[in-house]
Amino acid sequence: MPKRRRRPPGEAQLHPQLLVALECDRPLAASLRCSLAHIDEVVLGRGRERSAERTRDGEVRRLTVRVPDPWMSSTHARLVQVMGRWVLEDAGSRNGTMLNGVRHERGPLADGDLCELGHTMFLFRESVPTDESEPPDLDAGELRPLAPGLATLAEPLERQFAALETLAASPVSVLLQGESGTGKEVIARAIHALSHRTGDFVAVNCGALPEHLVESELFGSRRGAFTGALEERPGLVRAADGGTLFLDEIGDLPGVSQAAFLRVLQEQEVVPIGGTRPVKVDLRLIAASHRNLETLVASGRFRADLLARITGFTLHLPPLRMRREDLGMIVATLLTRILPEGAEKVTFSMEAARALYQYEWPLNVRELEKALTTAVVLARGQHVEFEHLPDTLRGEAEVPRMGAAPEVAENFPLSPEEIAHRAELIALLREHGGNVSAVARVLGKARMQVHRWLRRYAIEPDSFRR
């Protein structure tokens, strides 16, 4: 299949989206994203293959999404608009419909809600900046990025990746910002691959360099320049000559090394420790940091002139908890990496899949890969159950069992149970001054789950802050 063309971005407008987030019986299928712009009703049901069809029945503009899930009914559920909000309704399905792990006949949707139909997870996004010049439906299988790591179903990030592809072959320096484990080095390697530079990609973790050896490691040294310098060393900067130098955690560079590195960038040359003549270097710089470099500049811990040199283009990589649109696609990619042969045999229970989506992933993709590796090994490369997941996920996930007595939201907008639940949340927010983390600890729930409830009940936690 040819690479999907990226059109010049048009004016983005805010629209809701629905994603087939994860098919538990065939996770390698990744995800399907559907815009709900100009749609009045969504029909969800079983089909021979995954599809999204847009039709019009009189005044009703309908989107029909089908998934080859034998546990779903042919017409399983609907999404309809009521008083300006999208509402999920079960259509008399055989196995029922779950909303955020609780069985519902009918319930309003809030941003980030998980709908479970059969063995398939659907993710609802309430307000996404959408380029209407792009096709409204996008299957992750259609994505053909020019380099690994530049595929996403999150539209704001997709526009940033498109800009990176344009800049890759230029000498413009790139700064990657984001939490640890968000894949900054993966993006840096993608930029190098697209740059067509003939030299090597050299990755340097500035935070891991011994402070007394930072300059010799980066800039090289002459034999005898200092005690222990028994041979001439070119250094990491010269090793990247003709290629790309990736400085990870550049905010950890000592001040003296920052000044020396600024000269390298300004003069395109390096002077080895103990040397007297500069050596010319031709390199492309990509820097990364999980810290706010502007804050470090304001506190005097990072040079403003060096920051200006490294910020030709800045990409902010969102944490995994903020790009759940991509979770299914990332899971599929990691499974093929963990099991190069046999990944197609891996399946997930609904409880395990729900835990993957409800966990906040503080260590991001790196933590997800380790969790999947552990689960797949314990499952012997077959059916991953909730019990196969690491303790961190099982401790924080919402795991209502299918046999448990469900809460049913019969009335819209709020059932009596939901009214009571809302009152409890308000009381706790008053008690803890709007501190959502404290409320989550009292309830024994993940903070993300509490935020979902607050969105559902239209509660603003800041209004309780003292």
Protein backbone atom coordinates (compact mmCIF):
# COMPACT_ATOMS: atom_id res chain seq x y z
CA MET A 1 0.00 0.00 0.00
CA PRO A 2 1.47 3.40 -0.90
CA LYS A 3 2.39 5.94 1.72
CA ARG A 4 -0.56 8.07 2.77
CA ARG A 5 -0.09 11.58 1.43
CA ARG A 6 -0.05 14.42 3.89
CA ARG A 7 -1.87 17.42 2.50
CA PRO A 8 -0.91 20.99 3.40
CA PRO A 9 -2.67 21.63 6.71
CA GLY A 10 -5.90 23.55 6.45
CA GLU A 11 -7.60 25.51 9.19
CA ALA A 12 -8.20 23.11 12.10
CA GLN A 13 -11.63 23.04 13.72
CA LEU A 14 -12.70 21.21 16.86
CA HIS A 15 -14.73 18.05 16.28
CA PRO A 16 -15.42 14.81 18.22
CA GLN A 17 -13.81 11.54 17.15
CA LEU A 18 -14.45 7.86 17.75
CA LEU A 19 -11.66 5.31 17.53
CA VAL A 20 -11.71 1.55 17.26
CA ALA A 21 -8.94 1.59 19.83
CA LEU A 22 -8.09 -2.10 20.26
CA GLU A 23 -9.52 -5.36 18.96
CA CYS A 24 -8.62 -7.73 21.77
CA ASP A 25 -8.80 -10.85 19.58
CA ARG A 26 -6.52 -9.32 16.91
CA PRO A 27 -4.43 -6.54 18.47
CA LEU A 28 -2.12 -6.35 15.44
CA ALA A 29 -5.01 -4.70 13.57
CA ALA A 30 -4.14 -1.53 15.53
CA SER A 31 -6.70 1.31 15.40
CA LEU A 32 -9.26 3.07 13.23
CA ARG A 33 -10.01 6.79 13.67
CA CYS A 34 -13.35 8.27 12.60
CA SER A 35 -14.32 11.92 12.68
CA LEU A 36 -17.83 12.64 13.94
CA ALA A 37 -17.98 16.00 12.19
CA HIS A 38 -21.27 16.39 10.28
CA ILE A 39 -22.59 13.08 11.71
CA ASP A 40 -25.91 12.71 13.54
CA GLU A 41 -25.79 9.00 14.45
CA VAL A 42 -23.16 6.27 14.74
CA VAL A 43 -24.07 2.60 14.43
CA LEU A 44 -21.58 0.09 15.87
CA GLY A 45 -21.78 -3.60 15.05
CA ARG A 46 -20.22 -6.79 13.77
CA GLY A 47 -19.09 -7.16 10.17
CA ARG A 48 -16.97 -9.46 8.00
CA GLU A 49 -14.14 -6.92 8.04
CA ARG A 50 -13.43 -3.64 9.73
CA SER A 51 -15.06 -0.75 7.90
CA ALA A 52 -16.47 2.76 8.25
CA GLU A 53 -19.33 3.72 5.95
CA ARG A 54 -20.99 7.14 5.74
CA THR A 55 -24.60 7.31 4.50
CA ARG A 56 -27.55 9.65 4.61
CA ASP A 57 -31.11 8.62 5.46
CA GLY A 58 -33.26 11.67 4.87
CA GLU A 59 -31.99 14.28 7.31
CA VAL A 60 -29.94 11.78 9.32
CA ARG A 61 -26.23 11.61 8.50
CA ARG A 62 -25.06 8.21 9.67
CA LEU A 63 -21.66 6.61 10.27
CA THR A 64 -21.67 2.79 10.45
CA VAL A 65 -18.57 1.19 11.95
CA ARG A 66 -18.21 -2.59 11.70
CA VAL A 67 -15.62 -4.82 13.35
CA PRO A 68 -15.02 -8.55 12.71
CA ASP A 69 -15.67 -9.34 16.38
CA PRO A 70 -17.86 -12.46 16.87
CA TRP A 71 -18.70 -11.29 20.39
CA MET A 72 -20.46 -8.21 19.01
CA SER A 73 -24.04 -8.18 17.75
CA SER A 74 -24.69 -7.17 14.14
CA THR A 75 -26.14 -3.92 15.50
CA HIS A 76 -24.63 -3.68 18.96
CA ALA A 77 -24.85 -0.03 20.02
CA ARG A 78 -25.48 3.49 18.80
CA LEU A 79 -24.10 6.94 19.46
CA VAL A 80 -26.70 9.69 19.20
CA GLN A 81 -26.70 13.38 20.04
CA VAL A 82 -28.91 14.57 22.89
CA MET A 83 -28.91 18.23 23.93
CA GLY A 84 -25.57 18.77 22.21
CA ARG A 85 -23.85 15.77 23.85
CA TRP A 86 -23.03 12.38 22.42
CA VAL A 87 -24.79 9.51 24.19
CA LEU A 88 -23.96 5.81 24.00
CA GLU A 89 -27.00 3.50 23.76
CA ASP A 90 -27.00 -0.28 23.77
CA ALA A 91 -29.10 -1.60 20.87
CA GLY A 92 -30.34 -4.72 22.63
CA SER A 93 -27.02 -6.49 22.13
CA ARG A 94 -26.41 -10.09 23.17
CA ASN A 95 -23.45 -9.32 25.48
CA GLY A 96 -24.25 -5.80 26.61
CA THR A 97 -22.29 -2.55 26.40
CA MET A 98 -19.73 -1.32 28.92
CA LEU A 99 -18.77 2.31 29.52
CA ASN A 100 -15.53 2.77 31.46
CA GLY A 101 -15.84 -0.77 32.78
CA VAL A 102 -19.48 -0.49 33.92
CA ARG A 103 -22.44 -1.97 32.06
CA HIS A 104 -24.72 0.74 30.67
CA GLU A 105 -27.96 0.72 28.72
CA ARG A 106 -27.58 4.44 28.06
CA GLY A 107 -25.04 7.01 29.14
CA PRO A 108 -23.53 10.36 28.09
CA LEU A 109 -19.97 10.37 26.79
CA ALA A 110 -17.11 12.53 28.04
CA ASP A 111 -13.67 13.01 26.53
CA GLY A 112 -11.49 9.93 26.97
CA ASP A 113 -14.34 7.52 27.73
CA LEU A 114 -13.83 3.85 26.89
CA CYS A 115 -16.73 1.94 25.32
CA GLU A 116 -16.49 -1.86 25.36
CA LEU A 117 -18.51 -3.83 22.83
CA GLY A 118 -17.87 -7.56 22.60
CA HIS A 119 -14.08 -7.92 22.64
CA THR A 120 -13.39 -4.47 21.16
CA MET A 121 -12.42 -1.22 22.86
CA PHE A 122 -13.68 2.10 21.47
CA LEU A 123 -12.25 5.46 22.56
CA PHE A 124 -14.28 8.68 22.44
CA ARG A 125 -12.62 12.07 21.96
CA GLU A 126 -14.88 15.04 22.54
CA SER A 127 -13.00 17.93 20.94
CA VAL A 128 -10.05 17.38 18.60
CA PRO A 129 -8.43 19.97 16.27
CA THR A 130 -9.35 18.45 12.91
CA ASP A 131 -8.24 19.36 9.40
CA GLU A 132 -11.38 18.87 7.31
CA SER A 133 -9.34 18.72 4.11
CA GLU A 134 -8.16 15.26 5.27
CA PRO A 135 -10.25 12.08 4.84
CA PRO A 136 -12.62 11.71 7.82
CA ASP A 137 -11.73 8.04 8.46
CA LEU A 138 -8.18 6.77 8.86
CA ASP A 139 -7.05 3.20 9.52
CA ALA A 140 -3.68 2.92 11.27
CA GLY A 141 -2.77 0.29 8.67
CA GLU A 142 -2.86 3.03 6.02
CA LEU A 143 -0.14 5.03 7.74
CA ARG A 144 3.16 4.73 5.91
CA PRO A 145 5.58 7.12 7.62
CA LEU A 146 8.81 7.92 5.83
CA ALA A 147 10.72 6.69 8.90
CA PRO A 148 9.82 4.45 11.89
CA GLY A 149 8.35 6.36 14.80
CA LEU A 150 6.56 9.06 12.79
CA ALA A 151 3.13 7.39 12.73
CA THR A 152 0.29 8.75 14.83
CA LEU A 153 -3.50 9.00 14.90
CA ALA A 154 -3.37 12.09 17.15
CA GLU A 155 -3.97 14.92 14.67
CA PRO A 156 -2.01 17.70 16.47
CA LEU A 157 1.03 15.40 16.70
CA GLU A 158 0.53 14.34 13.07
CA ARG A 159 0.99 17.95 11.97
CA GLN A 160 4.23 18.22 13.95
CA PHE A 161 5.54 14.99 12.41
CA ALA A 162 4.72 16.36 8.95
CA ALA A 163 6.82 19.44 9.74
CA LEU A 164 9.68 17.19 10.87
CA GLU A 165 9.61 15.32 7.56
CA THR A 166 9.92 18.65 5.75
CA LEU A 167 12.80 19.83 7.94
CA ALA A 168 14.71 16.54 8.10
CA ALA A 169 16.99 17.15 5.10
CA SER A 170 17.80 20.72 6.17
CA PRO A 171 20.55 21.83 8.61
CA VAL A 172 17.92 23.19 11.04
CA SER A 173 18.61 22.01 14.58
CA VAL A 174 15.79 20.24 16.41
CA LEU A 175 14.93 20.25 20.11
CA LEU A 176 12.77 17.38 21.38
CA GLN A 177 10.97 17.98 24.66
CA GLY A 178 8.96 15.43 26.59
CA GLU A 179 8.91 13.13 29.59
CA SER A 180 11.36 10.26 29.88
CA GLY A 181 10.30 7.25 27.84
CA THR A 182 8.19 9.15 25.28
CA GLY A 183 10.44 8.07 22.40
CA LYS A 184 12.68 11.09 21.86
CA GLU A 185 15.58 8.98 20.60
CA VAL A 186 13.23 7.11 18.21
CA ILE A 187 12.22 10.48 16.72
CA ALA A 188 15.86 11.60 16.55
CA ARG A 189 16.80 8.45 14.63
CA ALA A 190 13.86 9.05 12.27
CA ILE A 191 15.12 12.57 11.52
CA HIS A 192 18.61 11.20 10.85
CA ALA A 193 17.22 8.54 8.52
CA LEU A 194 15.35 11.20 6.54
CA SER A 195 18.31 13.60 6.44
CA HIS A 196 20.29 11.35 4.05
CA ARG A 197 23.48 12.33 5.86
CA THR A 198 26.19 9.77 5.20
CA GLY A 199 27.78 9.87 8.66
CA ASP A 200 26.74 8.02 11.79
CA PHE A 201 23.96 8.72 14.26
CA VAL A 202 25.74 9.26 17.58
CA ALA A 203 23.56 9.33 20.71
CA VAL A 204 24.95 10.89 23.90
CA ASN A 205 23.16 10.83 27.27
CA CYS A 206 24.51 14.01 28.82
CA GLY A 207 23.17 13.04 32.23
CA ALA A 208 25.17 9.79 32.22
CA LEU A 209 28.56 11.33 31.42
CA PRO A 210 30.94 11.50 34.43
CA GLU A 211 31.28 15.22 35.23
CA HIS A 212 35.09 15.15 35.20
CA LEU A 213 35.11 13.46 31.78
CA VAL A 214 32.33 15.38 29.99
CA GLU A 215 34.62 17.48 27.81
CA SER A 216 37.04 14.69 26.94
CA GLU A 217 34.15 12.38 26.05
CA LEU A 218 32.51 15.01 23.86
CA PHE A 219 35.47 16.81 22.34
CA GLY A 220 38.19 14.16 22.50
CA SER A 221 41.67 14.39 23.96
CA ARG A 222 45.34 14.20 22.98
CA ARG A 223 47.60 11.56 24.42
CA GLY A 224 49.02 12.77 27.74
CA ALA A 225 46.56 15.66 28.02
CA PHE A 226 45.70 14.51 31.55
CA THR A 227 46.39 11.62 33.88
CA GLY A 228 45.02 8.47 32.29
CA ALA A 229 45.00 9.85 28.72
CA LEU A 230 47.12 7.04 27.32
CA GLU A 231 45.97 7.43 23.72
CA GLU A 232 44.40 9.95 21.43
CA ARG A 233 40.60 9.88 21.46
CA PRO A 234 38.49 11.65 18.82
CA GLY A 235 35.46 12.21 21.07
CA LEU A 236 31.77 11.83 20.36
CA VAL A 237 31.38 15.12 18.48
CA ARG A 238 33.96 14.11 15.86
CA ALA A 239 32.43 10.62 15.71
CA ALA A 240 29.27 12.31 14.39
CA ASP A 241 31.16 14.15 11.62
CA GLY A 242 29.03 13.93 8.48
CA GLY A 243 26.12 12.56 10.47
CA THR A 244 23.86 13.46 13.39
CA LEU A 245 24.77 14.16 17.01
CA PHE A 246 21.90 13.49 19.42
CA LEU A 247 22.40 15.11 22.82
CA ASP A 248 19.85 13.56 25.15
CA GLU A 249 19.14 15.40 28.42
CA ILE A 250 21.17 18.39 27.26
CA GLY A 251 19.92 20.29 30.30
CA ASP A 252 22.33 18.21 32.40
CA LEU A 253 25.45 19.57 30.64
CA PRO A 254 27.71 21.43 33.11
CA GLY A 255 28.10 25.16 32.52
CA VAL A 256 31.71 24.93 31.34
CA SER A 257 30.79 22.25 28.80
CA GLN A 258 27.86 24.35 27.61
CA ALA A 259 30.25 27.18 26.75
CA ALA A 260 32.60 24.82 24.92
CA PHE A 261 29.76 23.23 23.01
CA LEU A 262 28.42 26.63 21.98
CA ARG A 263 31.75 27.23 20.23
CA VAL A 264 31.40 23.92 18.40
CA LEU A 265 28.04 25.01 17.02
CA GLN A 266 29.15 28.53 16.16
CA GLU A 267 32.46 27.65 14.52
CA GLN A 268 31.70 24.10 13.35
CA GLU A 269 34.98 22.99 14.89
CA VAL A 270 36.20 21.24 18.02
CA VAL A 271 39.42 21.56 20.01
CA PRO A 272 40.42 18.30 21.74
CA ILE A 273 41.57 18.47 25.36
CA GLY A 274 45.30 19.10 25.23
CA GLY A 275 45.13 20.15 21.57
CA THR A 276 46.06 23.51 20.07
CA ARG A 277 44.47 23.30 16.63
CA PRO A 278 40.73 23.14 16.03
CA VAL A 279 39.33 20.26 13.96
CA LYS A 280 36.49 21.01 11.55
CA VAL A 281 33.28 19.02 11.98
CA ASP A 282 30.12 18.82 9.89
CA LEU A 283 27.21 17.60 11.97
CA ARG A 284 23.46 17.92 12.41
CA LEU A 285 22.43 18.56 15.99
CA ILE A 286 19.34 17.13 17.66
CA ALA A 287 18.94 17.85 21.37
CA ALA A 288 16.42 16.50 23.86
CA SER A 289 15.37 17.19 27.42
CA HIS A 290 12.59 16.23 29.79
CA ARG A 291 13.20 19.50 31.66
CA ASN A 292 11.99 22.97 30.73
CA LEU A 293 15.13 24.60 29.34
CA GLU A 294 13.64 28.09 29.50
CA THR A 295 13.17 27.61 33.23
CA LEU A 296 16.80 26.49 33.51
CA VAL A 297 17.85 29.63 31.61
CA ALA A 298 15.84 31.82 33.98
CA SER A 299 17.54 30.20 36.97
CA GLY A 300 21.00 30.58 35.42
CA ARG A 301 21.60 26.84 34.97
CA PHE A 302 21.50 26.86 31.17
CA ARG A 303 22.97 29.34 28.71
CA ALA A 304 20.42 31.43 26.83
CA ASP A 305 22.75 31.67 23.78
CA LEU A 306 23.10 27.88 23.66
CA LEU A 307 19.33 27.46 23.90
CA ALA A 308 18.94 29.85 20.97
CA ARG A 309 21.37 27.72 18.95
CA ILE A 310 19.61 24.41 19.53
CA THR A 311 15.99 25.52 19.05
CA GLY A 312 15.58 25.82 15.30
CA PHE A 313 12.46 23.64 15.60
CA THR A 314 10.94 22.38 18.84
CA LEU A 315 8.78 19.27 19.04
CA HIS A 316 6.85 18.59 22.24
CA LEU A 317 6.25 14.84 22.50
CA PRO A 318 3.13 14.23 24.61
CA PRO A 319 3.23 11.55 27.32
CA LEU A 320 1.57 8.24 26.52
CA ARG A 321 -1.39 9.01 28.79
CA MET A 322 -2.16 12.02 26.55
CA ARG A 323 -2.04 10.09 23.26
CA ARG A 324 -4.29 7.13 23.94
CA GLU A 325 -5.39 7.35 20.30
CA ASP A 326 -2.02 5.74 19.52
CA LEU A 327 -1.99 3.13 22.28
CA GLY A 328 -3.42 0.34 20.08
CA MET A 329 -0.97 1.12 17.28
CA ILE A 330 1.97 1.22 19.72
CA VAL A 331 0.86 -2.08 21.29
CA ALA A 332 0.80 -3.67 17.83
CA THR A 333 4.30 -2.35 17.05
CA LEU A 334 5.72 -3.55 20.37
CA LEU A 335 4.15 -7.00 20.05
CA THR A 336 5.88 -7.56 16.71
CA ARG A 337 9.14 -6.43 18.31
CA ILE A 338 8.70 -8.67 21.37
CA LEU A 339 7.62 -11.66 19.25
CA PRO A 340 9.10 -11.35 15.75
CA GLU A 341 7.49 -14.69 14.99
CA GLY A 342 4.11 -15.50 16.49
CA ALA A 343 2.86 -12.02 17.46
CA GLU A 344 -0.38 -12.76 15.59
CA LYS A 345 -1.21 -15.42 18.23
CA VAL A 346 -1.36 -12.87 21.06
CA THR A 347 -4.83 -11.85 22.28
CA PHE A 348 -6.06 -9.87 25.31
CA SER A 349 -8.87 -10.35 27.76
CA MET A 350 -11.15 -7.33 28.12
CA GLU A 351 -9.95 -6.82 31.70
CA ALA A 352 -6.32 -6.73 30.55
CA ALA A 353 -7.11 -4.33 27.68
CA ARG A 354 -9.08 -2.07 30.02
CA ALA A 355 -6.12 -1.93 32.39
CA LEU A 356 -3.80 -0.90 29.55
CA TYR A 357 -6.07 2.03 28.74
CA GLN A 358 -6.81 3.11 32.30
CA TYR A 359 -3.22 3.09 33.56
CA GLU A 360 -1.44 6.46 33.41
CA TRP A 361 1.96 5.12 32.22
CA PRO A 362 4.23 7.47 34.21
CA LEU A 363 7.28 5.97 32.44
CA ASN A 364 5.54 6.09 29.06
CA VAL A 365 6.35 3.80 26.11
CA ARG A 366 9.38 2.32 27.83
CA GLU A 367 7.15 1.12 30.68
CA LEU A 368 4.52 -0.17 28.24
CA GLU A 369 7.12 -2.27 26.42
CA LYS A 370 8.33 -3.85 29.66
CA ALA A 371 4.75 -4.53 30.81
CA LEU A 372 3.85 -6.19 27.51
CA THR A 373 7.06 -8.23 27.51
CA THR A 374 6.28 -9.58 30.98
CA ALA A 375 2.64 -10.30 30.12
CA VAL A 376 3.43 -12.05 26.84
CA VAL A 377 6.03 -14.28 28.51
CA LEU A 378 3.65 -15.24 31.32
CA ALA A 379 0.90 -15.88 28.75
CA ARG A 380 3.29 -18.05 26.73
CA GLY A 381 2.71 -15.85 23.71
CA GLN A 382 -1.04 -16.50 23.64
CA HIS A 383 -3.98 -15.06 25.62
CA VAL A 384 -2.96 -12.23 27.97
CA GLU A 385 -5.13 -12.14 31.09
CA PHE A 386 -5.36 -9.39 33.69
CA GLU A 387 -3.30 -11.54 36.07
CA HIS A 388 -0.38 -11.51 33.61
CA LEU A 389 0.06 -7.74 33.90
CA PRO A 390 2.60 -6.19 36.31
CA ASP A 391 1.48 -5.24 39.82
CA THR A 392 1.59 -1.52 39.00
CA LEU A 393 -1.18 -1.92 36.43
CA ARG A 394 -3.26 -4.33 38.47
CA GLY A 395 -3.05 -2.07 41.51
CA GLU A 396 -4.39 1.05 39.76
CA ALA A 397 -6.72 -0.31 37.09
CA GLU A 398 -10.48 -0.34 37.31
CA VAL A 399 -11.41 -3.99 36.86
CA PRO A 400 -15.15 -4.63 37.15
CA ARG A 401 -15.66 -8.31 36.36
CA MET A 402 -18.22 -9.29 33.75
CA GLY A 403 -20.15 -11.28 36.35
CA ALA A 404 -20.36 -8.41 38.83
CA ALA A 405 -23.68 -6.68 39.41
CA PRO A 406 -23.57 -3.73 37.04
CA GLU A 407 -24.56 -0.15 37.68
CA VAL A 408 -27.11 0.81 35.05
CA ALA A 409 -27.60 4.41 33.95
CA GLU A 410 -31.22 4.22 32.82
CA ASN A 411 -31.86 7.95 32.77
CA PHE A 412 -30.09 10.79 31.04
CA PRO A 413 -28.29 12.93 31.93
CA LEU A 414 -27.72 11.37 35.39
CA SER A 415 -29.06 8.29 37.11
CA PRO A 416 -29.73 8.32 40.89
CA GLU A 417 -26.48 6.42 41.42
CA GLU A 418 -24.59 8.99 39.36
CA ILE A 419 -26.21 11.85 41.27
CA ALA A 420 -25.04 10.26 44.53
CA HIS A 421 -21.60 9.66 43.07
CA ARG A 422 -21.38 13.30 41.93
CA ALA A 423 -22.31 14.51 45.41
CA GLU A 424 -19.59 12.30 46.94
CA LEU A 425 -16.97 13.74 44.59
CA ILE A 426 -18.02 17.30 45.38
CA ALA A 427 -17.79 16.61 49.12
CA LEU A 428 -14.30 15.15 48.75
CA LEU A 429 -13.15 18.07 46.57
CA ARG A 430 -14.39 20.51 49.23
CA GLU A 431 -12.59 18.54 51.93
CA HIS A 432 -9.30 18.45 50.01
CA GLY A 433 -9.42 21.91 48.47
CA GLY A 434 -9.81 20.72 44.87
CA ASN A 435 -6.78 18.39 45.05
CA VAL A 436 -7.68 15.63 42.57
CA SER A 437 -4.71 13.44 43.57
CA ALA A 438 -5.86 13.48 47.21
CA VAL A 439 -9.41 12.55 46.15
CA ALA A 440 -8.03 9.68 44.06
CA ARG A 441 -6.05 8.37 47.04
CA VAL A 442 -9.12 8.47 49.30
CA LEU A 443 -11.19 6.59 46.71
CA GLY A 444 -8.39 4.18 45.87
CA LYS A 445 -8.69 5.05 42.19
CA ALA A 446 -6.32 6.26 39.48
CA ARG A 447 -6.20 10.05 39.11
CA MET A 448 -7.12 9.70 35.42
CA GLN A 449 -10.35 7.91 36.39
CA VAL A 450 -11.28 10.71 38.80
CA HIS A 451 -10.69 13.25 36.02
CA ARG A 452 -13.04 11.26 33.76
CA TRP A 453 -15.74 11.38 36.41
CA LEU A 454 -15.24 15.13 36.85
CA ARG A 455 -15.64 15.67 33.10
CA ARG A 456 -18.71 13.44 33.01
CA TYR A 457 -20.37 15.30 35.90
CA ALA A 458 -19.23 18.76 34.70
CA ILE A 459 -17.35 19.43 37.94
CA GLU A 460 -14.54 22.00 37.87
CA PRO A 461 -11.96 21.09 40.58
CA ASP A 462 -10.31 24.54 40.48
CA SER A 463 -13.48 26.06 41.90
CA PHE A 464 -12.77 24.19 45.18
CA ARG A 465 -9.20 25.42 45.58
CA ARG A 466 -8.59 27.44 48.73
